[in-house]
Protein backbone atom coordinates (compact mmCIF):
# COMPACT_ATOMS: atom_id res chain seq x y z
CA MET A 1 -191.07 -107.26 142.14
CA ILE A 2 -187.91 -108.97 143.42
CA VAL A 3 -186.33 -111.61 141.20
CA PHE A 4 -183.48 -114.02 141.86
CA ILE A 5 -181.21 -114.91 138.94
CA SER A 6 -180.38 -118.61 138.63
CA GLY A 7 -178.01 -120.26 136.18
CA PRO A 8 -174.75 -122.14 135.76
CA ILE A 9 -171.78 -120.77 137.71
CA SER A 10 -169.34 -123.58 138.56
CA ASN A 11 -166.72 -124.27 135.91
CA ARG A 12 -168.15 -121.58 133.62
CA ARG A 13 -166.02 -118.89 132.05
CA PHE A 14 -167.49 -115.41 132.14
CA TYR A 15 -170.40 -116.43 134.38
CA ARG A 16 -170.20 -113.10 136.21
CA THR A 17 -170.61 -111.26 132.90
CA ARG A 18 -173.67 -113.35 131.99
CA PHE A 19 -175.29 -112.68 135.36
CA TRP A 20 -174.37 -108.99 135.26
CA MET A 21 -175.91 -108.60 131.79
CA ALA A 22 -179.07 -110.39 132.94
CA GLU A 23 -179.22 -108.15 136.00
CA ARG A 24 -178.96 -105.02 133.84
CA LEU A 25 -181.76 -106.22 131.54
CA LEU A 26 -184.00 -107.12 134.46
CA ARG A 27 -183.37 -103.80 136.23
CA ALA A 28 -184.12 -101.93 132.98
CA ALA A 29 -187.43 -103.81 132.84
CA GLY A 30 -188.26 -102.58 136.35
CA TYR A 31 -187.33 -105.57 138.51
CA ASP A 32 -185.33 -105.52 141.73
CA VAL A 33 -182.64 -108.16 141.35
CA LEU A 34 -180.89 -110.59 143.69
CA ASN A 35 -177.71 -111.80 141.98
CA PRO A 36 -175.84 -114.75 143.54
CA THR A 37 -172.55 -113.80 141.86
CA ILE A 38 -172.01 -111.22 144.60
CA LEU A 39 -171.04 -114.10 146.89
CA PRO A 40 -167.29 -114.61 147.46
CA LYS A 41 -165.66 -117.27 145.29
CA TRP A 42 -164.08 -118.96 148.31
CA LEU A 43 -167.44 -120.09 149.72
CA SER A 44 -168.09 -123.81 149.47
CA HIS A 45 -170.90 -124.85 147.15
CA GLU A 46 -172.95 -125.97 150.15
CA ASP A 47 -172.55 -122.64 151.97
CA ALA A 48 -173.33 -120.70 148.81
CA MET A 49 -176.51 -122.72 148.31
CA HIS A 50 -177.69 -121.89 151.84
CA ILE A 51 -177.30 -118.20 151.06
CA CYS A 52 -179.00 -118.63 147.68
CA TYR A 53 -181.96 -120.32 149.38
CA ALA A 54 -182.26 -117.34 151.72
CA MET A 55 -182.18 -115.01 148.70
CA ILE A 56 -184.90 -117.09 147.02
CA ASP A 57 -187.00 -116.81 150.20
CA CYS A 58 -186.90 -113.03 149.72
CA ALA A 59 -187.75 -113.18 146.00
CA ASP A 60 -191.11 -113.04 144.26
CA MET A 61 -189.79 -115.02 141.29
CA VAL A 62 -186.76 -117.02 140.15
CA VAL A 63 -185.45 -116.20 136.68
CA GLN A 64 -183.48 -118.95 134.97
CA LEU A 65 -180.65 -118.19 132.53
CA ARG A 66 -180.03 -120.31 129.45
CA ASP A 67 -178.49 -123.74 130.11
CA TRP A 68 -179.70 -123.79 133.71
CA GLU A 69 -180.53 -127.50 133.33
CA GLN A 70 -176.81 -128.27 133.11
CA SER A 71 -176.17 -126.85 136.58
CA LEU A 72 -176.69 -128.83 139.76
CA GLY A 73 -176.98 -125.60 141.79
CA ALA A 74 -179.53 -124.02 139.42
CA THR A 75 -181.55 -127.25 139.42
CA MET A 76 -181.51 -127.24 143.23
CA GLU A 77 -182.61 -123.57 143.25
CA CYS A 78 -185.49 -124.36 140.89
CA THR A 79 -186.64 -127.29 143.02
CA TYR A 80 -186.37 -125.21 146.20
CA ALA A 81 -188.33 -122.30 144.71
CA LYS A 82 -191.09 -124.59 143.51
CA SER A 83 -191.33 -126.18 146.97
CA LYS A 84 -192.00 -122.67 148.32
CA TRP A 85 -194.55 -121.90 145.55
CA ILE A 86 -192.24 -119.23 144.09
CA PRO A 87 -192.69 -118.98 140.30
CA VAL A 88 -189.74 -120.03 138.14
CA VAL A 89 -189.51 -118.54 134.64
CA GLY A 90 -186.99 -118.36 131.83
CA ILE A 91 -185.40 -114.96 131.30
CA GLY A 92 -186.33 -114.92 127.62
CA ASP A 93 -189.98 -115.62 128.36
CA LEU A 94 -190.05 -112.97 131.06
CA LEU A 95 -188.39 -110.20 129.06
CA TYR A 96 -189.40 -110.99 125.49
CA GLY A 97 -192.40 -113.31 125.64
CA ASN A 98 -196.00 -112.26 125.80
CA ARG A 99 -196.24 -113.48 129.37
CA PRO A 100 -194.05 -115.49 131.75
CA LYS A 101 -194.15 -119.23 131.31
CA ARG A 102 -193.41 -121.45 134.26
CA ILE A 103 -190.56 -123.89 133.81
CA LYS A 104 -191.79 -127.43 134.37
């Protein structure tokens, strides 16, 4: 199963570390991971979002990191995924819960 990691990036210190750690945990759990932090920092937010939407189109599920609600981009990714009927789940629920819970 292919998952896309979504969470706050702009104006966040150590965001690459957070995404990298999430990617490692997801890969260890058997998921194939699309990580948006591979995109160059010089891309505009708008251009990065277009690429993220394409990544979401290739994913079976979007996995939200903690504090995703505070990020405009992560909120946009969640809305986009839901419009495509792609499940959106919290990383904690996916990895440590009994079963994935959809984020409302």
